[in-house]
């Protein structure tokens, strides 16, 4: 995901250094960023001249301190591990004492990361959805010590890149992962406790909730369906929902094979591309 984020910054006119652990992984990251740009051009989401202009703005390094020195913005996108992220952000904070420190974490509290890197006032989350280059929304998460001016800077920066930033609180799961894992928890319970086939659960979500939620959110759905009706259903279901579920259950749930996943990812990205085109056309 880091390569795609870097590509977006380069497309927006920023000089970008992709930092990885070694020269070989740096080259791979650069190739992925270039591939993302080529894909946007091929799909009609980016003018060819803008794509050509973006590529020279991308470079690589395996030296974190040197790459961060003098930078205005650092975006961390390493593995979802507290210690790994804290180490990167701490080194970046020391190398770039004035930079915004942004973490693409899915779940680690920003307040903890800010304290760990000893720069809480300029640490915040910028959580992208995958694939980052096709999904417009970005969660901006301030920690308890984040300077509000820094939040405004990041929101303005992302908006200038054509993203749709939303500021959300530093709560477990932030916003969309909190919702996503609530659904995943209940899906696991339905499979493990009630014997429903996982493919049936996936089909139900794709054909009902997924289709509807791409057009209207949960509160809009409640408004359309009638508040009183939803309250009556909630009185029956809320006590049942949210019961503890063992995360280890997910280990035993059968998932689609690799061949099916490749086809699924292709279909997903094709739909996301069409939707992204609609987004861009709507702004013109």
Protein backbone atom coordinates (compact mmCIF):
# COMPACT_ATOMS: atom_id res chain seq x y z
CA UNK A 1 0.00 0.00 0.00
CA UNK A 2 2.92 2.35 0.69
CA UNK A 3 3.92 2.40 -2.98
CA UNK A 4 0.43 3.48 -4.03
CA UNK A 5 0.36 6.20 -1.37
CA UNK A 6 3.73 7.45 -2.61
CA UNK A 7 2.44 7.43 -6.19
CA UNK A 8 -0.50 9.62 -5.18
CA UNK A 9 1.79 12.14 -3.52
CA UNK A 10 3.98 12.22 -6.65
CA UNK A 11 0.95 12.72 -8.91
CA UNK A 12 -0.06 15.67 -6.72
CA UNK A 13 3.32 17.29 -7.39
CA UNK A 14 5.30 16.28 -4.30
CA UNK A 15 8.85 14.91 -4.33
CA UNK A 16 8.65 11.43 -2.80
CA UNK A 17 11.28 9.08 -1.39
CA UNK A 18 10.09 5.49 -0.95
CA UNK A 19 12.02 4.03 2.01
CA UNK A 20 12.42 0.28 2.43
CA UNK A 21 14.80 -2.07 4.25
CA UNK A 22 17.07 -2.88 1.28
CA UNK A 23 17.96 -1.83 -2.26
CA UNK A 24 16.10 -4.81 -3.73
CA UNK A 25 12.86 -4.07 -1.89
CA UNK A 26 13.25 -0.39 -2.74
CA UNK A 27 13.34 -1.25 -6.43
CA UNK A 28 10.25 -3.42 -6.05
CA UNK A 29 8.44 -0.58 -4.29
CA UNK A 30 9.39 1.85 -7.06
CA UNK A 31 8.13 -0.57 -9.71
CA UNK A 32 4.83 -0.88 -7.88
CA UNK A 33 4.45 2.90 -7.69
CA UNK A 34 5.17 3.24 -11.42
CA UNK A 35 2.72 0.41 -12.14
CA UNK A 36 0.02 2.20 -10.13
CA UNK A 37 0.55 5.36 -12.17
CA UNK A 38 0.46 3.42 -15.46
CA UNK A 39 -2.75 1.71 -14.38
CA UNK A 40 -4.43 5.03 -13.62
CA UNK A 41 -3.44 6.35 -17.06
CA UNK A 42 -4.62 3.16 -18.78
CA UNK A 43 -7.95 3.31 -16.97
CA UNK A 44 -8.55 6.92 -17.93
CA UNK A 45 -8.26 8.18 -14.36
CA UNK A 46 -5.11 10.21 -14.96
CA UNK A 47 -3.93 12.22 -17.96
CA UNK A 48 -0.86 10.70 -19.57
CA UNK A 49 1.17 13.90 -19.25
CA UNK A 50 0.48 14.04 -15.50
CA UNK A 51 1.56 10.43 -15.16
CA UNK A 52 4.79 11.11 -17.04
CA UNK A 53 5.46 14.14 -14.85
CA UNK A 54 4.89 12.14 -11.66
CA UNK A 55 7.40 9.35 -12.29
CA UNK A 56 10.60 11.45 -11.93
CA UNK A 57 9.32 12.72 -8.57
CA UNK A 58 9.68 9.20 -7.15
CA UNK A 59 12.99 7.95 -5.78
CA UNK A 60 14.05 5.27 -3.31
CA UNK A 61 16.29 4.83 -0.30
CA UNK A 62 17.18 2.19 2.27
CA UNK A 63 18.48 4.85 4.68
CA UNK A 64 15.54 6.11 6.74
CA UNK A 65 17.35 8.96 8.50
CA UNK A 66 18.84 10.37 5.29
CA UNK A 67 15.59 10.03 3.38
CA UNK A 68 13.60 11.83 6.10
CA UNK A 69 16.05 14.66 6.68
CA UNK A 70 14.47 18.00 5.82
CA UNK A 71 11.13 16.47 4.80
CA UNK A 72 7.80 18.17 5.49
CA UNK A 73 5.71 14.98 5.65
CA UNK A 74 6.53 11.40 6.59
CA UNK A 75 3.97 8.66 5.90
CA UNK A 76 4.67 5.37 7.68
CA UNK A 77 3.09 2.24 6.17
CA UNK A 78 4.95 -0.73 7.66
CA UNK A 79 3.50 -3.91 9.18
CA UNK A 80 0.65 -3.56 11.69
CA UNK A 81 2.95 -3.91 14.69
CA UNK A 82 3.26 -1.33 17.47
CA UNK A 83 7.01 -1.70 17.93
CA UNK A 84 7.79 -1.64 14.20
CA UNK A 85 5.73 1.48 13.62
CA UNK A 86 7.07 3.22 16.72
CA UNK A 87 10.66 2.54 15.66
CA UNK A 88 10.09 4.02 12.20
CA UNK A 89 8.24 7.07 13.50
CA UNK A 90 10.80 7.70 16.24
CA UNK A 91 13.67 7.63 13.73
CA UNK A 92 11.70 9.86 11.36
CA UNK A 93 10.86 12.31 14.15
CA UNK A 94 14.55 12.73 15.00
CA UNK A 95 15.60 13.08 11.35
CA UNK A 96 12.81 15.51 10.44
CA UNK A 97 12.11 17.64 13.55
CA UNK A 98 9.39 19.74 11.87
CA UNK A 99 7.67 17.10 9.73
CA UNK A 100 4.13 15.83 9.99
CA UNK A 101 4.31 12.20 11.11
CA UNK A 102 1.47 10.19 9.57
CA UNK A 103 0.81 6.52 10.29
CA UNK A 104 -1.21 4.32 7.96
CA UNK A 105 -2.26 2.13 10.87
CA UNK A 106 -5.52 0.18 10.84
CA UNK A 107 -5.92 -0.24 14.57
CA UNK A 108 -2.98 0.95 16.72
CA UNK A 109 -3.91 3.97 18.90
CA UNK A 110 -2.37 7.18 17.57
CA UNK A 111 -1.92 8.50 21.10
CA UNK A 112 0.38 5.54 21.88
CA UNK A 113 2.34 6.03 18.65
CA UNK A 114 2.77 9.75 19.35
CA UNK A 115 4.09 9.05 22.83
CA UNK A 116 6.36 6.25 21.56
CA UNK A 117 8.02 8.47 18.95
CA UNK A 118 8.25 11.37 21.43
CA UNK A 119 6.47 13.78 19.09
CA UNK A 120 2.75 13.53 19.97
CA UNK A 121 1.94 17.07 18.82
CA UNK A 122 2.72 16.25 15.17
CA UNK A 123 1.73 12.57 15.03
CA UNK A 124 -1.58 11.49 13.57
CA UNK A 125 -3.11 8.68 11.59
CA UNK A 126 -3.86 8.76 7.88
CA UNK A 127 -5.59 5.43 7.36
CA UNK A 128 -6.11 4.46 3.72
CA UNK A 129 -8.45 1.78 2.40
CA UNK A 130 -6.99 -0.83 0.06
CA UNK A 131 -6.39 -0.33 -2.86
CA UNK A 132 -5.30 3.12 -1.77
CA UNK A 133 -5.06 4.59 -5.25
CA UNK A 134 -8.70 3.77 -6.07
CA UNK A 135 -10.37 4.38 -2.70
CA UNK A 136 -10.92 8.11 -2.13
CA UNK A 137 -11.67 8.17 1.61
CA UNK A 138 -8.87 8.56 4.16
CA UNK A 139 -9.39 8.50 7.92
CA UNK A 140 -7.48 11.29 9.67
CA UNK A 141 -7.01 10.37 13.33
CA UNK A 142 -5.57 12.86 15.84
CA UNK A 143 -4.05 11.51 19.02
CA UNK A 144 -4.67 13.03 22.45
CA UNK A 145 -1.62 15.28 22.04
CA UNK A 146 -1.93 16.16 18.35
CA UNK A 147 -1.90 19.88 17.60
CA UNK A 148 -5.23 20.77 15.90
CA UNK A 149 -3.31 22.92 13.40
CA UNK A 150 -1.49 19.78 12.26
CA UNK A 151 -4.83 18.07 11.67
CA UNK A 152 -5.93 20.96 9.47
CA UNK A 153 -2.64 20.72 7.54
CA UNK A 154 -3.16 17.04 6.79
CA UNK A 155 -6.79 17.50 5.77
CA UNK A 156 -5.79 20.31 3.39
CA UNK A 157 -2.91 18.22 2.02
CA UNK A 158 -5.15 15.21 1.31
CA UNK A 159 -7.86 17.33 -0.25
CA UNK A 160 -5.22 18.79 -2.58
CA UNK A 161 -4.44 15.23 -3.67
CA UNK A 162 -8.06 14.56 -4.57
CA UNK A 163 -8.76 12.43 -1.49
CA UNK A 164 -11.79 12.68 0.82
CA UNK A 165 -10.43 12.98 4.38
CA UNK A 166 -12.69 12.41 7.37
CA UNK A 167 -11.52 13.27 10.89
CA UNK A 168 -12.37 10.47 13.33
CA UNK A 169 -11.55 9.92 17.03
CA UNK A 170 -8.68 7.79 18.31
CA UNK A 171 -10.96 4.95 19.43
CA UNK A 172 -10.37 1.20 18.92
CA UNK A 173 -10.75 0.42 15.22
CA UNK A 174 -11.22 4.12 14.38
CA UNK A 175 -14.33 4.19 12.15
CA UNK A 176 -14.52 1.81 9.21
CA UNK A 177 -12.53 -1.02 10.80
CA UNK A 178 -14.73 -0.77 13.88
CA UNK A 179 -17.73 -1.27 11.60
CA UNK A 180 -16.02 -3.87 9.42
CA UNK A 181 -14.91 -6.05 12.33
CA UNK A 182 -18.31 -5.80 14.03
CA UNK A 183 -19.76 -7.32 10.87
CA UNK A 184 -16.93 -9.88 10.65
CA UNK A 185 -17.53 -10.91 14.28
CA UNK A 186 -21.21 -11.54 13.61
CA UNK A 187 -20.39 -13.32 10.33
CA UNK A 188 -18.04 -15.65 12.22
CA UNK A 189 -20.70 -16.36 14.83
CA UNK A 190 -23.25 -17.19 12.13
CA UNK A 191 -20.79 -19.64 10.51
CA UNK A 192 -19.42 -21.27 13.68
CA UNK A 193 -22.48 -21.25 15.95
CA UNK A 194 -25.21 -21.72 13.36
CA UNK A 195 -23.52 -23.69 10.59
CA UNK A 196 -24.13 -21.25 7.74
CA UNK A 197 -21.73 -21.69 4.81
CA UNK A 198 -19.19 -18.81 4.55
CA UNK A 199 -19.98 -18.44 0.83
CA UNK A 200 -23.62 -17.87 1.73
CA UNK A 201 -22.64 -15.12 4.17
CA UNK A 202 -20.44 -13.48 1.53
CA UNK A 203 -23.25 -13.68 -1.03
CA UNK A 204 -25.78 -12.15 1.37
CA UNK A 205 -23.46 -9.21 2.14
CA UNK A 206 -22.60 -8.61 -1.53
CA UNK A 207 -26.18 -8.84 -2.80
CA UNK A 208 -27.96 -6.96 -0.01
CA UNK A 209 -25.92 -4.89 2.43
CA UNK A 210 -23.04 -4.24 0.03
CA UNK A 211 -25.24 -3.00 -2.77
CA UNK A 212 -27.34 -0.85 -0.49
CA UNK A 213 -24.44 0.53 1.53
CA UNK A 214 -22.67 1.68 -1.62
CA UNK A 215 -25.57 4.12 -2.03
CA UNK A 216 -26.87 4.86 1.48
CA UNK A 217 -25.28 4.54 4.92
CA UNK A 218 -26.77 2.87 8.00
CA UNK A 219 -28.52 5.96 9.36
CA UNK A 220 -29.82 6.90 5.92
CA UNK A 221 -31.11 3.33 5.63
CA UNK A 222 -32.88 3.70 8.97
CA UNK A 223 -34.44 6.96 7.81
CA UNK A 224 -35.67 5.36 4.60
CA UNK A 225 -36.97 2.25 6.38
CA UNK A 226 -38.57 4.09 9.27
CA UNK A 227 -37.02 4.90 12.64
CA UNK A 228 -39.73 3.14 14.64
CA UNK A 229 -39.34 -0.08 12.66
CA UNK A 230 -35.60 -0.10 13.24
CA UNK A 231 -36.08 0.58 16.96
CA UNK A 232 -38.42 -2.41 17.25
CA UNK A 233 -35.91 -4.68 15.48
CA UNK A 234 -33.07 -3.29 17.61
CA UNK A 235 -34.96 -4.18 20.80
CA UNK A 236 -34.98 -7.78 19.63
CA UNK A 237 -31.43 -7.95 18.25
CA UNK A 238 -29.13 -5.60 20.18
CA UNK A 239 -29.04 -7.89 23.22
CA UNK A 240 -27.97 -10.78 20.98
CA UNK A 241 -25.48 -8.88 18.86
CA UNK A 242 -22.01 -8.09 20.15
CA UNK A 243 -21.67 -11.22 22.26
CA UNK A 244 -18.04 -12.33 22.68
CA UNK A 245 -16.59 -14.29 19.77
CA UNK A 246 -13.23 -16.04 19.66
CA UNK A 247 -10.89 -14.47 17.06
CA UNK A 248 -9.38 -17.95 16.65
CA UNK A 249 -12.61 -18.98 14.93
CA UNK A 250 -11.36 -17.13 11.86
CA UNK A 251 -8.53 -19.67 11.51
CA UNK A 252 -10.99 -22.46 10.80
CA UNK A 253 -13.34 -20.70 8.41
CA UNK A 254 -12.65 -21.81 4.80
CA UNK A 255 -11.75 -18.98 2.44
CA UNK A 256 -11.75 -18.83 -1.38
CA UNK A 257 -8.71 -20.41 -3.10
CA UNK A 258 -5.91 -18.31 -4.61
CA UNK A 259 -7.26 -18.55 -8.17
CA UNK A 260 -10.65 -17.28 -7.07
CA UNK A 261 -9.01 -14.46 -5.12
CA UNK A 262 -7.17 -13.21 -8.21
CA UNK A 263 -10.43 -13.08 -10.12
CA UNK A 264 -12.18 -11.46 -7.17
CA UNK A 265 -9.52 -8.74 -6.85
CA UNK A 266 -9.72 -8.03 -10.58
CA UNK A 267 -13.50 -7.70 -10.43
CA UNK A 268 -13.29 -5.52 -7.32
CA UNK A 269 -10.75 -3.16 -8.89
CA UNK A 270 -12.76 -2.93 -12.11
CA UNK A 271 -15.81 -1.79 -10.15
CA UNK A 272 -13.73 0.61 -8.04
CA UNK A 273 -12.26 2.10 -11.22
CA UNK A 274 -15.72 2.77 -12.64
CA UNK A 275 -16.85 4.32 -9.37
CA UNK A 276 -13.69 6.45 -9.20
CA UNK A 277 -14.39 7.72 -12.71
CA UNK A 278 -17.89 8.67 -11.58
CA UNK A 279 -16.35 10.50 -8.58
CA UNK A 280 -14.00 12.50 -10.80
CA UNK A 281 -16.66 13.28 -13.39
CA UNK A 282 -18.95 14.50 -10.63
CA UNK A 283 -16.38 17.12 -9.64
CA UNK A 284 -16.07 18.57 -13.14
